[in-house]
C-alpha atoms as a PDB file:
ATOM      1  CA  MET A   1     140.680 105.631 115.570  1.00  0.00           C
ATOM      2  CA  LYS A   2     137.183 106.477 114.689  1.00  0.00           C
ATOM      3  CA  LYS A   3     134.514 104.094 113.235  1.00  0.00           C
ATOM      4  CA  VAL A   4     132.508 105.104 109.932  1.00  0.00           C
ATOM      5  CA  ILE A   5     129.296 103.027 109.395  1.00  0.00           C
ATOM      6  CA  LEU A   6     128.292 103.592 105.705  1.00  0.00           C
ATOM      7  CA  ILE A   7     124.301 102.763 105.422  1.00  0.00           C
ATOM      8  CA  ILE A   8     124.034 101.253 101.544  1.00  0.00           C
ATOM      9  CA  PHE A   9     120.262 100.854 100.626  1.00  0.00           C
ATOM     10  CA  ILE A  10     119.911  99.532  97.107  1.00  0.00           C
ATOM     11  CA  GLY A  11     116.126  98.815  95.656  1.00  0.00           C
ATOM     12  CA  PHE A  12     115.400  97.483  92.561  1.00  0.00           C
ATOM     13  CA  SER A  13     112.943  98.203  90.186  1.00  0.00           C
ATOM     14  CA  SER A  14     111.848  98.073  86.840  1.00  0.00           C
ATOM     15  CA  GLN A  15     110.496 101.769  87.008  1.00  0.00           C
ATOM     16  CA  ILE A  16     113.674 104.184  87.086  1.00  0.00           C
ATOM     17  CA  ILE A  17     113.113 106.844  84.465  1.00  0.00           C
ATOM     18  CA  GLY A  18     115.627 109.403  85.149  1.00  0.00           C
ATOM     19  CA  PHE A  19     118.905 109.936  87.774  1.00  0.00           C
ATOM     20  CA  SER A  20     120.854 112.794  89.020  1.00  0.00           C
ATOM     21  CA  GLN A  21     123.524 112.123  91.291  1.00  0.00           C
ATOM     22  CA  THR A  22     125.217 114.804  93.729  1.00  0.00           C
ATOM     23  CA  THR A  23     128.946 114.254  95.198  1.00  0.00           C
ATOM     24  CA  VAL A  24     130.005 116.540  98.335  1.00  0.00           C
ATOM     25  CA  SER A  25     133.747 116.369  99.686  1.00  0.00           C
ATOM     26  CA  LEU A  26     134.941 116.827 103.147  1.00  0.00           C
ATOM     27  CA  ARG A  27     138.529 117.593 104.434  1.00  0.00           C
ATOM     28  CA  LEU A  28     138.469 117.046 108.341  1.00  0.00           C
ATOM     29  CA  PRO A  29     141.392 117.494 110.377  1.00  0.00           C
ATOM     30  CA  ASN A  30     144.094 114.902 110.859  1.00  0.00           C
ATOM     31  CA  ASN A  31     143.937 114.220 107.087  1.00  0.00           C
ATOM     32  CA  CYS A  32     140.800 112.731 106.580  1.00  0.00           C
ATOM     33  CA  ASP A  33     138.987 112.896 103.609  1.00  0.00           C
ATOM     34  CA  ILE A  34     135.075 112.336 103.226  1.00  0.00           C
ATOM     35  CA  THR A  35     133.116 111.789  99.842  1.00  0.00           C
ATOM     36  CA  VAL A  36     129.587 111.116 100.168  1.00  0.00           C
ATOM     37  CA  THR A  37     127.457 110.610  97.239  1.00  0.00           C
ATOM     38  CA  SER A  38     123.549 111.025  97.002  1.00  0.00           C
ATOM     39  CA  SER A  39     121.428 109.791  94.183  1.00  0.00           C
ATOM     40  CA  ASP A  40     118.394 110.675  93.314  1.00  0.00           C
ATOM     41  CA  ILE A  41     116.150 108.860  90.858  1.00  0.00           C
ATOM     42  CA  SER A  42     112.702 109.801  89.370  1.00  0.00           C
ATOM     43  CA  LEU A  43     110.158 107.126  89.193  1.00  0.00           C
ATOM     44  CA  LYS A  44     107.995 106.385  86.271  1.00  0.00           C
ATOM     45  CA  ASP A  45     105.770 103.174  86.211  1.00  0.00           C
ATOM     46  CA  TYR A  46     106.880 101.559  82.980  1.00  0.00           C
ATOM     47  CA  ASN A  47     103.619  99.482  83.254  1.00  0.00           C
ATOM     48  CA  ASP A  48     101.322 102.357  82.859  1.00  0.00           C
ATOM     49  CA  LEU A  49      98.943 103.016  79.861  1.00  0.00           C
ATOM     50  CA  ILE A  50      99.108 106.553  78.766  1.00  0.00           C
ATOM     51  CA  LEU A  51      96.692 107.891  76.432  1.00  0.00           C
ATOM     52  CA  SER A  52      96.942 111.293  75.118  1.00  0.00           C
ATOM     53  CA  PRO A  53      95.516 113.698  74.637  1.00  0.00           C
ATOM     54  CA  ASN A  54      92.169 113.089  76.840  1.00  0.00           C
ATOM     55  CA  PRO A  55      89.585 114.019  76.646  1.00  0.00           C
ATOM     56  CA  SER A  56      90.061 114.295  72.950  1.00  0.00           C
ATOM     57  CA  ASN A  57      87.810 114.805  69.752  1.00  0.00           C
ATOM     58  CA  GLY A  58      89.074 111.240  68.711  1.00  0.00           C
ATOM     59  CA  TYR A  59      92.460 111.031  67.940  1.00  0.00           C
ATOM     60  CA  PHE A  60      94.723 109.641  70.658  1.00  0.00           C
ATOM     61  CA  GLU A  61      97.937 108.314  71.113  1.00  0.00           C
ATOM     62  CA  LEU A  62      98.354 105.100  73.156  1.00  0.00           C
ATOM     63  CA  LYS A  63     101.623 104.794  74.905  1.00  0.00           C
ATOM     64  CA  THR A  64     102.981 101.622  77.357  1.00  0.00           C
ATOM     65  CA  TYR A  65     106.587 101.016  78.412  1.00  0.00           C
ATOM     66  CA  TYR A  66     105.635  96.799  78.890  1.00  0.00           C
ATOM     67  CA  SER A  67     109.465  95.878  78.348  1.00  0.00           C
ATOM     68  CA  ASP A  68     109.037  92.806  78.767  1.00  0.00           C
ATOM     69  CA  ILE A  69     106.039  91.843  76.067  1.00  0.00           C
ATOM     70  CA  ILE A  70     106.523  90.030  73.113  1.00  0.00           C
ATOM     71  CA  GLY A  71     103.835  89.252  70.894  1.00  0.00           C
ATOM     72  CA  LEU A  72     100.073  89.716  70.270  1.00  0.00           C
ATOM     73  CA  ALA A  73      98.346  92.219  72.337  1.00  0.00           C
ATOM     74  CA  ASN A  74      94.470  92.784  71.983  1.00  0.00           C
ATOM     75  CA  ILE A  75      92.999  96.919  72.467  1.00  0.00           C
ATOM     76  CA  ASN A  76      89.395  96.434  73.309  1.00  0.00           C
ATOM     77  CA  ILE A  77      86.958  99.954  74.129  1.00  0.00           C
ATOM     78  CA  TYR A  78      83.390  99.373  75.671  1.00  0.00           C
ATOM     79  CA  SER A  79      81.324 102.067  75.938  1.00  0.00           C
ATOM     80  CA  SER A  80      79.849 103.242  79.648  1.00  0.00           C
ATOM     81  CA  ASN A  81      77.089 100.632  79.285  1.00  0.00           C
ATOM     82  CA  GLY A  82      79.526  97.836  78.393  1.00  0.00           C
ATOM     83  CA  LEU A  83      78.963  98.075  74.725  1.00  0.00           C
ATOM     84  CA  LEU A  84      82.739  96.804  72.984  1.00  0.00           C
ATOM     85  CA  VAL A  85      82.924  99.526  69.936  1.00  0.00           C
ATOM     86  CA  TYR A  86      86.470  99.011  69.159  1.00  0.00           C
ATOM     87  CA  VAL A  87      88.811  96.096  68.753  1.00  0.00           C
ATOM     88  CA  GLU A  88      92.171  95.959  67.608  1.00  0.00           C
ATOM     89  CA  LYS A  89      94.932  93.309  67.781  1.00  0.00           C
ATOM     90  CA  ILE A  90      98.358  94.284  67.549  1.00  0.00           C
ATOM     91  CA  TYR A  91     101.743  93.325  68.151  1.00  0.00           C
ATOM     92  CA  CYS A  92     104.522  94.130  71.028  1.00  0.00           C
ATOM     93  CA  ASN A  93     108.202  94.328  69.927  1.00  0.00           C
ATOM     94  CA  GLY A  94     109.493  94.469  73.525  1.00  0.00           C
ATOM     95  CA  PHE A  95     110.613  98.128  73.808  1.00  0.00           C
ATOM     96  CA  GLY A  96     107.297  99.851  74.368  1.00  0.00           C
ATOM     97  CA  LEU A  97     104.491 100.758  72.172  1.00  0.00           C
ATOM     98  CA  VAL A  98     103.332 104.087  70.921  1.00  0.00           C
ATOM     99  CA  LYS A  99     100.170 103.367  68.648  1.00  0.00           C
ATOM    100  CA  LYS A 100      98.213 106.109  67.413  1.00  0.00           C
ATOM    101  CA  LEU A 101      94.185 105.338  67.353  1.00  0.00           C
ATOM    102  CA  ARG A 102      91.685 107.108  65.320  1.00  0.00           C
ATOM    103  CA  LEU A 103      88.130 106.877  67.107  1.00  0.00           C
ATOM    104  CA  ASN A 104      86.490 109.872  65.338  1.00  0.00           C
ATOM    105  CA  SER A 105      83.734 107.881  64.395  1.00  0.00           C
ATOM    106  CA  ILE A 106      82.306 106.931  67.239  1.00  0.00           C
ATOM    107  CA  ALA A 107      79.887 108.946  69.350  1.00  0.00           C
ATOM    108  CA  PRO A 108      81.073 111.368  72.090  1.00  0.00           C
ATOM    109  CA  GLY A 109      81.175 109.848  75.463  1.00  0.00           C
ATOM    110  CA  ASN A 110      83.189 107.630  78.416  1.00  0.00           C
ATOM    111  CA  TYR A 111      84.838 104.828  77.283  1.00  0.00           C
ATOM    112  CA  ILE A 112      87.251 102.165  78.888  1.00  0.00           C
ATOM    113  CA  LEU A 113      90.266 101.176  76.747  1.00  0.00           C
ATOM    114  CA  TYR A 114      91.441  97.357  77.863  1.00  0.00           C
ATOM    115  CA  PHE A 115      94.661  96.747  76.792  1.00  0.00           C
ATOM    116  CA  GLN A 116      95.278  92.755  76.992  1.00  0.00           C
ATOM    117  CA  THR A 117      98.104  90.755  77.042  1.00  0.00           C
ATOM    118  CA  ASP A 118      99.185  87.577  77.807  1.00  0.00           C
ATOM    119  CA  LYS A 119     100.399  88.386  80.814  1.00  0.00           C
ATOM    120  CA  ASP A 120      97.485  90.536  82.256  1.00  0.00           C
ATOM    121  CA  VAL A 121      94.954  93.169  81.366  1.00  0.00           C
ATOM    122  CA  ARG A 122      95.626  97.236  82.027  1.00  0.00           C
ATOM    123  CA  ASN A 123      92.828  99.840  81.482  1.00  0.00           C
ATOM    124  CA  VAL A 124      92.286 103.403  81.318  1.00  0.00           C
ATOM    125  CA  LYS A 125      89.515 106.204  81.037  1.00  0.00           C
ATOM    126  CA  LEU A 126      88.639 107.368  77.722  1.00  0.00           C
ATOM    127  CA  ILE A 127      86.460 110.363  76.863  1.00  0.00           C
ATOM    128  CA  ILE A 128      85.584 111.119  73.530  1.00  0.00           C
ATOM    129  CA  LYS A 129      83.983 115.192  73.098  1.00  0.00           C
END
């Protein structure tokens, strides 16, 4: 009798966005069947801030995939010299966020957008043409 060693690696993450699976079945001598399943997981950090298009003429879409945040959040935008140029309070419902930002009244330049919740602060560079 031959021994078969099966190694299973399980990783837990809040980052899974895609999943695919491949199964291969083998028929060996002496009526020994083996099935091997391989899983491929594509990752996307659900805590990312996505600002698009960037650069832009002032019209942006801010996306975040915070799934555990419910409550108020602040969007603050600072110029490259540290001047606060935009403030908005928004409500997160725990299902992520898609927010249209109309910043066409702000002068062209480089800025930093800060997204602040009661749990942390994230930032992303923003360029207005």
